[in-house]
Structures are given as C-alpha cells and as structure tokens.
Amino acid sequence: MSVHAPRIGVVDACCPAPYGSGVPAPRPLGGTEATVLKIVRALQGKFRFSLFQRNAPTSDGSGGCAMQPLDKAFQDQSCLALLVINPWKVACRLRRFHPRVPIAVWLHVYPGRHNRQMGAALAEANIEVICVSDSQARQLSRFFGLGPHPKIS
C-alpha cells in the first residue's frame, strides 16, 4: 500500500457497532456494512480508507484501512473525498469543516416527510446523493420536487 494513495473517508454515523478491516465483529454484519468492507477490500492499493464510526477504536490503518471515532471525521484533513452513509444532516455538517472536499451521501433508505428540506440543503452544500437503485433515484427526484436538489446517481 502506497502512503501516497488517495485517502477516502467513509462516515457511518448510524452503525450499531464498529466494523472494519481486521476488527472482530461483535455481531453479524448487515448488508451495508458488508458492502462497505467489500468496496474497501476491492479498492485497496488504489486508495486508502478511513472508516469514521460511532464508538470505533482508533487503528493505525494497516492494510490501507484506518478506523476512527466519528468525531474525527470533522477534524481529519487527510481525506480527498467523503462518503456519508445515510444521514444527510451529518453530510451538511461535514461540509462546514471540509468546504472543498467532494462529499456524497450513500442513501439506502427512503426519506420521510420530515426531510422535505433535504434536497435544497444538499444542493446548497454541493453534496451529491448516491442511491442503491434506479427506482430509488427516481423516487428521490420526485420527493425533491421542482425545487433545487443535488445531483442524484
């Protein structure tokens, strides 16, 4: 692993327990967590990763994947891009600490009515949304309506 490989930050504020490369899982991994680890493993060598999670221990990043507590995502300036799993408000908050870093929200849930301001807030913060399916992307676009909304892929 090259120390010069770009670092990508994956921010999982909702995971029930920390998970990561070489960390014994306290319970079976869910689909999202397993997918994150598959992506990290597949892209190791081309990228280094930091996993920012609730209650995560700090690891040195051996094997190209460091674990960090969630609050470190707001302080760490080493990531060239950030991927936030689900909570769009966390992504908007990260934008204040990382004004020039590309940020995307990996959305695998449908937002409820209480999230009506989501599209405008993400568009204003220049945060993209990655959906898990085309049908989810279409539904999200309808949910955002005619007002400003972020790029959806």
N, C-alpha and C. Protein backbone atom coordinates (compact mmCIF):
# COMPACT_ATOMS: atom_id res chain seq x y z
N MET A 1 0.85 -1.18 0.00
CA MET A 1 0.00 0.00 0.00
C MET A 1 0.89 1.23 0.00
N SER A 2 0.67 2.07 -0.96
CA SER A 2 1.43 3.30 -1.06
C SER A 2 0.88 4.34 -0.10
N VAL A 3 1.78 5.00 0.62
CA VAL A 3 1.35 6.08 1.51
C VAL A 3 0.88 7.28 0.71
N HIS A 4 1.10 7.24 -0.61
CA HIS A 4 0.68 8.34 -1.47
C HIS A 4 -0.68 8.08 -2.13
N ALA A 5 -1.25 6.89 -1.91
CA ALA A 5 -2.57 6.60 -2.47
C ALA A 5 -3.57 7.55 -1.84
N PRO A 6 -4.52 8.06 -2.62
CA PRO A 6 -5.51 8.99 -2.06
C PRO A 6 -6.34 8.33 -0.97
N ARG A 7 -6.70 9.11 0.05
CA ARG A 7 -7.49 8.60 1.17
C ARG A 7 -8.95 9.02 0.99
N ILE A 8 -9.83 8.05 1.14
CA ILE A 8 -11.28 8.26 1.08
C ILE A 8 -11.83 8.02 2.49
N GLY A 9 -12.68 8.92 2.95
CA GLY A 9 -13.32 8.75 4.25
C GLY A 9 -14.73 8.22 4.08
N VAL A 10 -15.05 7.16 4.81
CA VAL A 10 -16.39 6.61 4.84
C VAL A 10 -16.94 6.90 6.22
N VAL A 11 -18.04 7.64 6.28
CA VAL A 11 -18.61 8.09 7.55
C VAL A 11 -19.91 7.33 7.79
N ASP A 12 -19.90 6.48 8.82
CA ASP A 12 -21.08 5.70 9.17
C ASP A 12 -21.50 6.08 10.59
N ALA A 13 -22.37 7.06 10.68
CA ALA A 13 -22.81 7.57 11.98
C ALA A 13 -23.90 6.71 12.61
N CYS A 14 -24.46 5.79 11.86
CA CYS A 14 -25.61 5.02 12.36
C CYS A 14 -25.29 3.55 12.62
N CYS A 15 -24.07 3.12 12.39
CA CYS A 15 -23.77 1.71 12.59
C CYS A 15 -23.95 1.33 14.06
N PRO A 16 -24.58 0.20 14.32
CA PRO A 16 -24.83 -0.19 15.71
C PRO A 16 -23.56 -0.57 16.47
N ALA A 17 -22.52 -1.01 15.73
CA ALA A 17 -21.25 -1.37 16.35
C ALA A 17 -20.15 -1.13 15.33
N PRO A 18 -18.96 -0.77 15.78
CA PRO A 18 -17.86 -0.53 14.83
C PRO A 18 -17.52 -1.79 14.03
N TYR A 19 -17.12 -1.60 12.80
CA TYR A 19 -16.70 -2.70 11.94
C TYR A 19 -15.57 -2.18 11.07
N GLY A 20 -14.69 -3.07 10.68
CA GLY A 20 -13.60 -2.66 9.82
C GLY A 20 -12.67 -3.79 9.52
N SER A 21 -11.73 -3.51 8.67
CA SER A 21 -10.74 -4.48 8.25
C SER A 21 -9.94 -4.96 9.46
N GLY A 22 -9.97 -6.25 9.72
CA GLY A 22 -9.20 -6.81 10.81
C GLY A 22 -9.81 -6.62 12.19
N VAL A 23 -11.01 -6.04 12.28
CA VAL A 23 -11.67 -5.84 13.57
C VAL A 23 -12.71 -6.94 13.74
N PRO A 24 -12.62 -7.73 14.82
CA PRO A 24 -13.63 -8.78 15.00
C PRO A 24 -15.02 -8.16 15.20
N ALA A 25 -15.98 -8.62 14.44
CA ALA A 25 -17.34 -8.08 14.52
C ALA A 25 -18.04 -8.62 15.77
N PRO A 26 -18.65 -7.73 16.58
CA PRO A 26 -19.34 -8.18 17.79
C PRO A 26 -20.67 -8.86 17.46
N ARG A 27 -21.11 -8.74 16.22
CA ARG A 27 -22.36 -9.36 15.76
C ARG A 27 -22.23 -9.55 14.26
N PRO A 28 -23.12 -10.32 13.64
CA PRO A 28 -23.04 -10.46 12.18
C PRO A 28 -23.20 -9.10 11.50
N LEU A 29 -22.46 -8.89 10.42
CA LEU A 29 -22.53 -7.62 9.70
C LEU A 29 -23.83 -7.54 8.91
N GLY A 30 -24.37 -6.33 8.84
CA GLY A 30 -25.52 -6.07 7.98
C GLY A 30 -25.07 -5.91 6.54
N GLY A 31 -26.02 -5.78 5.64
CA GLY A 31 -25.71 -5.67 4.22
C GLY A 31 -24.89 -4.45 3.88
N THR A 32 -25.21 -3.31 4.47
CA THR A 32 -24.46 -2.09 4.18
C THR A 32 -23.03 -2.20 4.67
N GLU A 33 -22.86 -2.68 5.92
CA GLU A 33 -21.51 -2.82 6.46
C GLU A 33 -20.68 -3.79 5.64
N ALA A 34 -21.28 -4.92 5.25
CA ALA A 34 -20.56 -5.90 4.44
C ALA A 34 -20.18 -5.31 3.08
N THR A 35 -21.07 -4.51 2.50
CA THR A 35 -20.78 -3.87 1.21
C THR A 35 -19.65 -2.86 1.35
N VAL A 36 -19.66 -2.07 2.42
CA VAL A 36 -18.56 -1.12 2.64
C VAL A 36 -17.23 -1.87 2.70
N LEU A 37 -17.18 -2.95 3.45
CA LEU A 37 -15.92 -3.70 3.57
C LEU A 37 -15.51 -4.32 2.23
N LYS A 38 -16.47 -4.78 1.44
CA LYS A 38 -16.13 -5.32 0.11
C LYS A 38 -15.52 -4.24 -0.77
N ILE A 39 -16.11 -3.06 -0.73
CA ILE A 39 -15.58 -1.95 -1.53
C ILE A 39 -14.18 -1.58 -1.08
N VAL A 40 -13.99 -1.48 0.23
CA VAL A 40 -12.67 -1.14 0.78
C VAL A 40 -11.64 -2.17 0.34
N ARG A 41 -11.98 -3.45 0.46
CA ARG A 41 -11.03 -4.50 0.07
C ARG A 41 -10.75 -4.47 -1.43
N ALA A 42 -11.78 -4.24 -2.24
CA ALA A 42 -11.60 -4.25 -3.69
C ALA A 42 -10.74 -3.09 -4.17
N LEU A 43 -10.81 -1.96 -3.47
CA LEU A 43 -10.08 -0.76 -3.91
C LEU A 43 -8.77 -0.53 -3.17
N GLN A 44 -8.43 -1.40 -2.22
CA GLN A 44 -7.15 -1.25 -1.54
C GLN A 44 -6.04 -1.38 -2.57
N GLY A 45 -5.05 -0.55 -2.43
CA GLY A 45 -3.97 -0.50 -3.40
C GLY A 45 -4.10 0.74 -4.27
N LYS A 46 -5.34 1.06 -4.66
CA LYS A 46 -5.59 2.28 -5.42
C LYS A 46 -5.93 3.43 -4.48
N PHE A 47 -6.56 3.09 -3.35
CA PHE A 47 -6.98 4.09 -2.36
C PHE A 47 -6.67 3.58 -0.97
N ARG A 48 -6.54 4.51 -0.03
CA ARG A 48 -6.51 4.19 1.39
C ARG A 48 -7.85 4.67 1.94
N PHE A 49 -8.31 4.07 3.00
CA PHE A 49 -9.61 4.41 3.56
C PHE A 49 -9.51 4.73 5.04
N SER A 50 -10.37 5.64 5.48
CA SER A 50 -10.62 5.88 6.89
C SER A 50 -12.10 5.62 7.11
N LEU A 51 -12.40 4.75 8.07
CA LEU A 51 -13.79 4.48 8.44
C LEU A 51 -14.07 5.24 9.72
N PHE A 52 -14.94 6.24 9.63
CA PHE A 52 -15.31 7.04 10.79
C PHE A 52 -16.66 6.53 11.30
N GLN A 53 -16.67 5.98 12.53
CA GLN A 53 -17.87 5.34 13.04
C GLN A 53 -18.08 5.64 14.52
N ARG A 54 -19.35 5.56 14.92
CA ARG A 54 -19.66 5.70 16.34
C ARG A 54 -18.91 4.63 17.13
N ASN A 55 -18.36 5.01 18.25
CA ASN A 55 -17.71 4.08 19.18
C ASN A 55 -16.56 3.28 18.57
N ALA A 56 -16.00 3.73 17.48
CA ALA A 56 -14.91 2.99 16.84
C ALA A 56 -13.60 3.21 17.59
N PRO A 57 -12.79 2.17 17.68
CA PRO A 57 -11.44 2.35 18.21
C PRO A 57 -10.58 3.02 17.15
N THR A 58 -9.47 3.59 17.55
CA THR A 58 -8.53 4.17 16.60
C THR A 58 -7.55 3.08 16.18
N SER A 59 -7.40 2.90 14.86
CA SER A 59 -6.41 1.94 14.38
C SER A 59 -5.42 2.67 13.49
N ASP A 60 -4.30 2.04 13.24
CA ASP A 60 -3.22 2.68 12.51
C ASP A 60 -3.41 2.69 11.00
N GLY A 61 -4.38 1.97 10.51
CA GLY A 61 -4.60 1.96 9.07
C GLY A 61 -3.77 0.93 8.34
N SER A 62 -3.29 -0.08 9.06
CA SER A 62 -2.53 -1.12 8.37
C SER A 62 -3.45 -1.79 7.35
N GLY A 63 -2.90 -2.11 6.22
CA GLY A 63 -3.69 -2.67 5.14
C GLY A 63 -4.49 -1.64 4.38
N GLY A 64 -4.22 -0.36 4.63
CA GLY A 64 -4.89 0.68 3.88
C GLY A 64 -6.25 1.10 4.41
N CYS A 65 -6.62 0.63 5.62
CA CYS A 65 -7.93 0.96 6.17
C CYS A 65 -7.80 1.31 7.65
N ALA A 66 -7.92 2.60 7.96
CA ALA A 66 -7.85 3.07 9.35
C ALA A 66 -9.25 3.22 9.91
N MET A 67 -9.42 2.94 11.18
CA MET A 67 -10.69 3.18 11.85
C MET A 67 -10.52 4.36 12.79
N GLN A 68 -11.56 5.20 12.83
CA GLN A 68 -11.52 6.39 13.66
C GLN A 68 -12.89 6.61 14.29
N PRO A 69 -12.93 7.20 15.49
CA PRO A 69 -14.22 7.58 16.05
C PRO A 69 -14.90 8.62 15.16
N LEU A 70 -16.20 8.67 15.19
CA LEU A 70 -16.98 9.54 14.32
C LEU A 70 -16.55 11.00 14.38
N ASP A 71 -16.28 11.52 15.57
CA ASP A 71 -15.93 12.94 15.70
C ASP A 71 -14.65 13.30 14.95
N LYS A 72 -13.80 12.34 14.68
CA LYS A 72 -12.56 12.62 13.93
C LYS A 72 -12.84 12.99 12.48
N ALA A 73 -14.00 12.62 11.95
CA ALA A 73 -14.33 12.97 10.57
C ALA A 73 -14.40 14.47 10.38
N PHE A 74 -14.73 15.19 11.45
CA PHE A 74 -14.84 16.64 11.36
C PHE A 74 -13.48 17.32 11.49
N GLN A 75 -12.48 16.59 11.97
CA GLN A 75 -11.15 17.14 12.19
C GLN A 75 -10.13 16.69 11.15
N ASP A 76 -10.26 15.46 10.68
CA ASP A 76 -9.30 14.86 9.77
C ASP A 76 -9.28 15.61 8.44
N GLN A 77 -8.13 16.07 8.04
CA GLN A 77 -7.99 16.80 6.77
C GLN A 77 -7.27 15.97 5.72
N SER A 78 -7.09 14.67 5.96
CA SER A 78 -6.32 13.84 5.04
C SER A 78 -7.15 13.21 3.93
N CYS A 79 -8.47 13.27 4.02
CA CYS A 79 -9.33 12.61 3.03
C CYS A 79 -9.57 13.52 1.82
N LEU A 80 -9.43 12.93 0.65
CA LEU A 80 -9.67 13.67 -0.58
C LEU A 80 -11.13 13.63 -0.99
N ALA A 81 -11.92 12.76 -0.34
CA ALA A 81 -13.37 12.68 -0.57
C ALA A 81 -14.00 12.01 0.64
N LEU A 82 -15.28 12.33 0.88
CA LEU A 82 -16.01 11.75 1.99
C LEU A 82 -17.31 11.14 1.48
N LEU A 83 -17.62 9.95 1.96
CA LEU A 83 -18.86 9.26 1.63
C LEU A 83 -19.61 9.03 2.94
N VAL A 84 -20.78 9.64 3.06
CA VAL A 84 -21.59 9.53 4.27
C VAL A 84 -22.71 8.53 4.01
N ILE A 85 -22.80 7.54 4.87
CA ILE A 85 -23.84 6.53 4.71
C ILE A 85 -25.10 7.00 5.43
N ASN A 86 -26.08 7.44 4.66
CA ASN A 86 -27.43 7.84 5.06
C ASN A 86 -27.65 9.22 5.66
N PRO A 87 -27.18 9.57 6.83
CA PRO A 87 -27.69 10.82 7.44
C PRO A 87 -27.19 12.09 6.72
N TRP A 88 -28.07 12.66 5.92
CA TRP A 88 -27.72 13.83 5.12
C TRP A 88 -27.35 15.03 5.99
N LYS A 89 -27.89 15.11 7.20
CA LYS A 89 -27.55 16.23 8.07
C LYS A 89 -26.09 16.14 8.53
N VAL A 90 -25.58 14.93 8.70
CA VAL A 90 -24.16 14.75 9.02
C VAL A 90 -23.32 15.23 7.85
N ALA A 91 -23.75 14.92 6.62
CA ALA A 91 -23.02 15.37 5.44
C ALA A 91 -22.98 16.90 5.37
N CYS A 92 -24.11 17.54 5.65
CA CYS A 92 -24.15 19.01 5.63
C CYS A 92 -23.24 19.59 6.71
N ARG A 93 -23.22 18.96 7.86
CA ARG A 93 -22.33 19.43 8.93
C ARG A 93 -20.86 19.25 8.53
N LEU A 94 -20.55 18.12 7.90
CA LEU A 94 -19.18 17.90 7.43
C LEU A 94 -18.75 18.96 6.43
N ARG A 95 -19.69 19.43 5.61
CA ARG A 95 -19.36 20.43 4.61
C ARG A 95 -18.78 21.68 5.27
N ARG A 96 -19.28 22.05 6.44
CA ARG A 96 -18.76 23.25 7.12
C ARG A 96 -17.28 23.07 7.51
N PHE A 97 -16.87 21.84 7.79
CA PHE A 97 -15.49 21.57 8.20
C PHE A 97 -14.59 21.23 7.01
N HIS A 98 -15.21 20.86 5.89
CA HIS A 98 -14.47 20.45 4.69
C HIS A 98 -15.07 21.16 3.47
N PRO A 99 -14.86 22.47 3.34
CA PRO A 99 -15.55 23.22 2.29
C PRO A 99 -15.16 22.85 0.86
N ARG A 100 -13.98 22.27 0.65
CA ARG A 100 -13.54 21.98 -0.71
C ARG A 100 -13.44 20.49 -1.03
N VAL A 101 -13.81 19.65 -0.10
CA VAL A 101 -13.71 18.20 -0.30
C VAL A 101 -15.01 17.67 -0.93
N PRO A 102 -14.93 16.85 -1.98
CA PRO A 102 -16.16 16.25 -2.51
C PRO A 102 -16.83 15.38 -1.44
N ILE A 103 -18.12 15.57 -1.27
CA ILE A 103 -18.89 14.80 -0.29
C ILE A 103 -20.11 14.22 -1.01
N ALA A 104 -20.39 12.96 -0.73
CA ALA A 104 -21.59 12.31 -1.26
C ALA A 104 -22.29 11.58 -0.12
N VAL A 105 -23.61 11.49 -0.24
CA VAL A 105 -24.42 10.70 0.69
C VAL A 105 -24.82 9.43 -0.03
N TRP A 106 -24.49 8.30 0.56
CA TRP A 106 -24.90 6.99 0.04
C TRP A 106 -26.22 6.69 0.72
N LEU A 107 -27.30 6.86 0.00
CA LEU A 107 -28.63 6.75 0.59
C LEU A 107 -29.23 5.39 0.27
N HIS A 108 -29.52 4.61 1.29
CA HIS A 108 -30.18 3.33 1.05
C HIS A 108 -31.50 3.23 1.82
N VAL A 109 -32.03 4.38 2.20
CA VAL A 109 -33.35 4.45 2.82
C VAL A 109 -34.15 5.54 2.10
N TYR A 110 -35.45 5.44 2.17
CA TYR A 110 -36.31 6.48 1.59
C TYR A 110 -36.55 7.54 2.65
N PRO A 111 -36.33 8.81 2.32
CA PRO A 111 -36.55 9.87 3.31
C PRO A 111 -38.05 10.06 3.58
N GLY A 112 -38.35 10.38 4.82
CA GLY A 112 -39.74 10.65 5.20
C GLY A 112 -40.08 12.12 5.02
N ARG A 113 -41.35 12.43 5.23
CA ARG A 113 -41.83 13.81 5.03
C ARG A 113 -41.07 14.82 5.88
N HIS A 114 -40.57 14.40 7.03
CA HIS A 114 -39.84 15.33 7.90
C HIS A 114 -38.50 15.76 7.28
N ASN A 115 -38.14 15.19 6.14
CA ASN A 115 -36.89 15.55 5.46
C ASN A 115 -37.12 16.41 4.22
N ARG A 116 -38.18 17.16 4.17
CA ARG A 116 -38.52 17.97 2.98
C ARG A 116 -37.42 18.95 2.60
N GLN A 117 -36.67 19.46 3.54
CA GLN A 117 -35.62 20.43 3.24
C GLN A 117 -34.33 19.77 2.77
N MET A 118 -34.31 18.46 2.70
CA MET A 118 -33.11 17.70 2.35
C MET A 118 -32.54 18.10 0.98
N GLY A 119 -33.37 18.14 -0.05
CA GLY A 119 -32.88 18.43 -1.40
C GLY A 119 -32.23 19.79 -1.50
N ALA A 120 -32.90 20.80 -0.98
CA ALA A 120 -32.34 22.16 -1.04
C ALA A 120 -31.06 22.27 -0.22
N ALA A 121 -31.05 21.64 0.95
CA ALA A 121 -29.86 21.71 1.82
C ALA A 121 -28.66 21.03 1.16
N LEU A 122 -28.88 19.86 0.56
CA LEU A 122 -27.77 19.16 -0.10
C LEU A 122 -27.30 19.92 -1.34
N ALA A 123 -28.23 20.49 -2.08
CA ALA A 123 -27.85 21.27 -3.27
C ALA A 123 -27.02 22.48 -2.86
N GLU A 124 -27.47 23.18 -1.83
CA GLU A 124 -26.74 24.36 -1.36
C GLU A 124 -25.34 24.01 -0.87
N ALA A 125 -25.20 22.83 -0.25
CA ALA A 125 -23.91 22.40 0.28
C ALA A 125 -23.05 21.69 -0.78
N ASN A 126 -23.58 21.55 -2.01
CA ASN A 126 -22.87 20.86 -3.09
C ASN A 126 -22.49 19.44 -2.68
N ILE A 127 -23.50 18.71 -2.20
CA ILE A 127 -23.32 17.32 -1.79
C ILE A 127 -24.17 16.45 -2.72
N GLU A 128 -23.55 15.46 -3.34
CA GLU A 128 -24.26 14.55 -4.25
C GLU A 128 -24.90 13.42 -3.46
N VAL A 129 -25.85 12.74 -4.10
CA VAL A 129 -26.52 11.59 -3.50
C VAL A 129 -26.30 10.38 -4.38
N ILE A 130 -25.91 9.28 -3.78
CA ILE A 130 -25.76 8.00 -4.47
C ILE A 130 -26.87 7.10 -3.94
N CYS A 131 -27.73 6.65 -4.84
CA CYS A 131 -28.83 5.77 -4.47
C CYS A 131 -28.45 4.32 -4.76
N VAL A 132 -29.13 3.39 -4.11
CA VAL A 132 -28.80 1.98 -4.30
C VAL A 132 -29.50 1.37 -5.51
N SER A 133 -30.43 2.11 -6.11
CA SER A 133 -31.12 1.59 -7.29
C SER A 133 -31.66 2.74 -8.13
N ASP A 134 -31.96 2.44 -9.38
CA ASP A 134 -32.58 3.44 -10.26
C ASP A 134 -33.95 3.84 -9.74
N SER A 135 -34.71 2.86 -9.24
CA SER A 135 -36.05 3.19 -8.74
C SER A 135 -35.96 4.11 -7.52
N GLN A 136 -34.98 3.91 -6.67
CA GLN A 136 -34.82 4.81 -5.52
C GLN A 136 -34.43 6.21 -6.00
N ALA A 137 -33.57 6.29 -7.00
CA ALA A 137 -33.16 7.59 -7.54
C ALA A 137 -34.36 8.33 -8.13
N ARG A 138 -35.22 7.62 -8.86
CA ARG A 138 -36.42 8.25 -9.42
C ARG A 138 -37.35 8.73 -8.30
N GLN A 139 -37.53 7.90 -7.28
CA GLN A 139 -38.41 8.27 -6.17
C GLN A 139 -37.85 9.48 -5.44
N LEU A 140 -36.54 9.51 -5.24
CA LEU A 140 -35.91 10.63 -4.54
C LEU A 140 -36.07 11.92 -5.35
N SER A 141 -35.92 11.82 -6.66
CA SER A 141 -36.10 13.00 -7.51
C SER A 141 -37.53 13.52 -7.40
N ARG A 142 -38.50 12.63 -7.37
CA ARG A 142 -39.90 13.04 -7.18
C ARG A 142 -40.09 13.67 -5.80
N PHE A 143 -39.46 13.08 -4.79
CA PHE A 143 -39.57 13.59 -3.43
C PHE A 143 -39.04 15.02 -3.34
N PHE A 144 -37.93 15.30 -4.02
CA PHE A 144 -37.34 16.64 -4.00
C PHE A 144 -38.21 17.64 -4.75
N GLY A 145 -38.99 17.17 -5.73
CA GLY A 145 -39.89 18.06 -6.45
C GLY A 145 -39.14 18.97 -7.40
N LEU A 146 -39.74 20.14 -7.65
CA LEU A 146 -39.21 21.07 -8.65
C LEU A 146 -38.14 22.01 -8.09
N GLY A 147 -38.01 22.08 -6.79
CA GLY A 147 -37.04 22.99 -6.20
C GLY A 147 -35.61 22.52 -6.44
N PRO A 148 -34.67 23.25 -5.89
CA PRO A 148 -33.27 22.85 -6.06
C PRO A 148 -33.02 21.49 -5.38
N HIS A 149 -32.25 20.69 -6.06
CA HIS A 149 -31.84 19.43 -5.44
C HIS A 149 -30.48 19.02 -5.99
N PRO A 150 -29.81 18.13 -5.27
CA PRO A 150 -28.44 17.75 -5.63
C PRO A 150 -28.43 16.81 -6.83
N LYS A 151 -27.24 16.58 -7.34
CA LYS A 151 -27.04 15.56 -8.36
C LYS A 151 -27.35 14.22 -7.71
N ILE A 152 -28.13 13.39 -8.40
CA ILE A 152 -28.50 12.06 -7.90
C ILE A 152 -27.95 11.02 -8.88
N SER A 153 -27.25 10.04 -8.36
CA SER A 153 -26.77 8.96 -9.24
C SER A 153 -27.05 7.63 -8.58
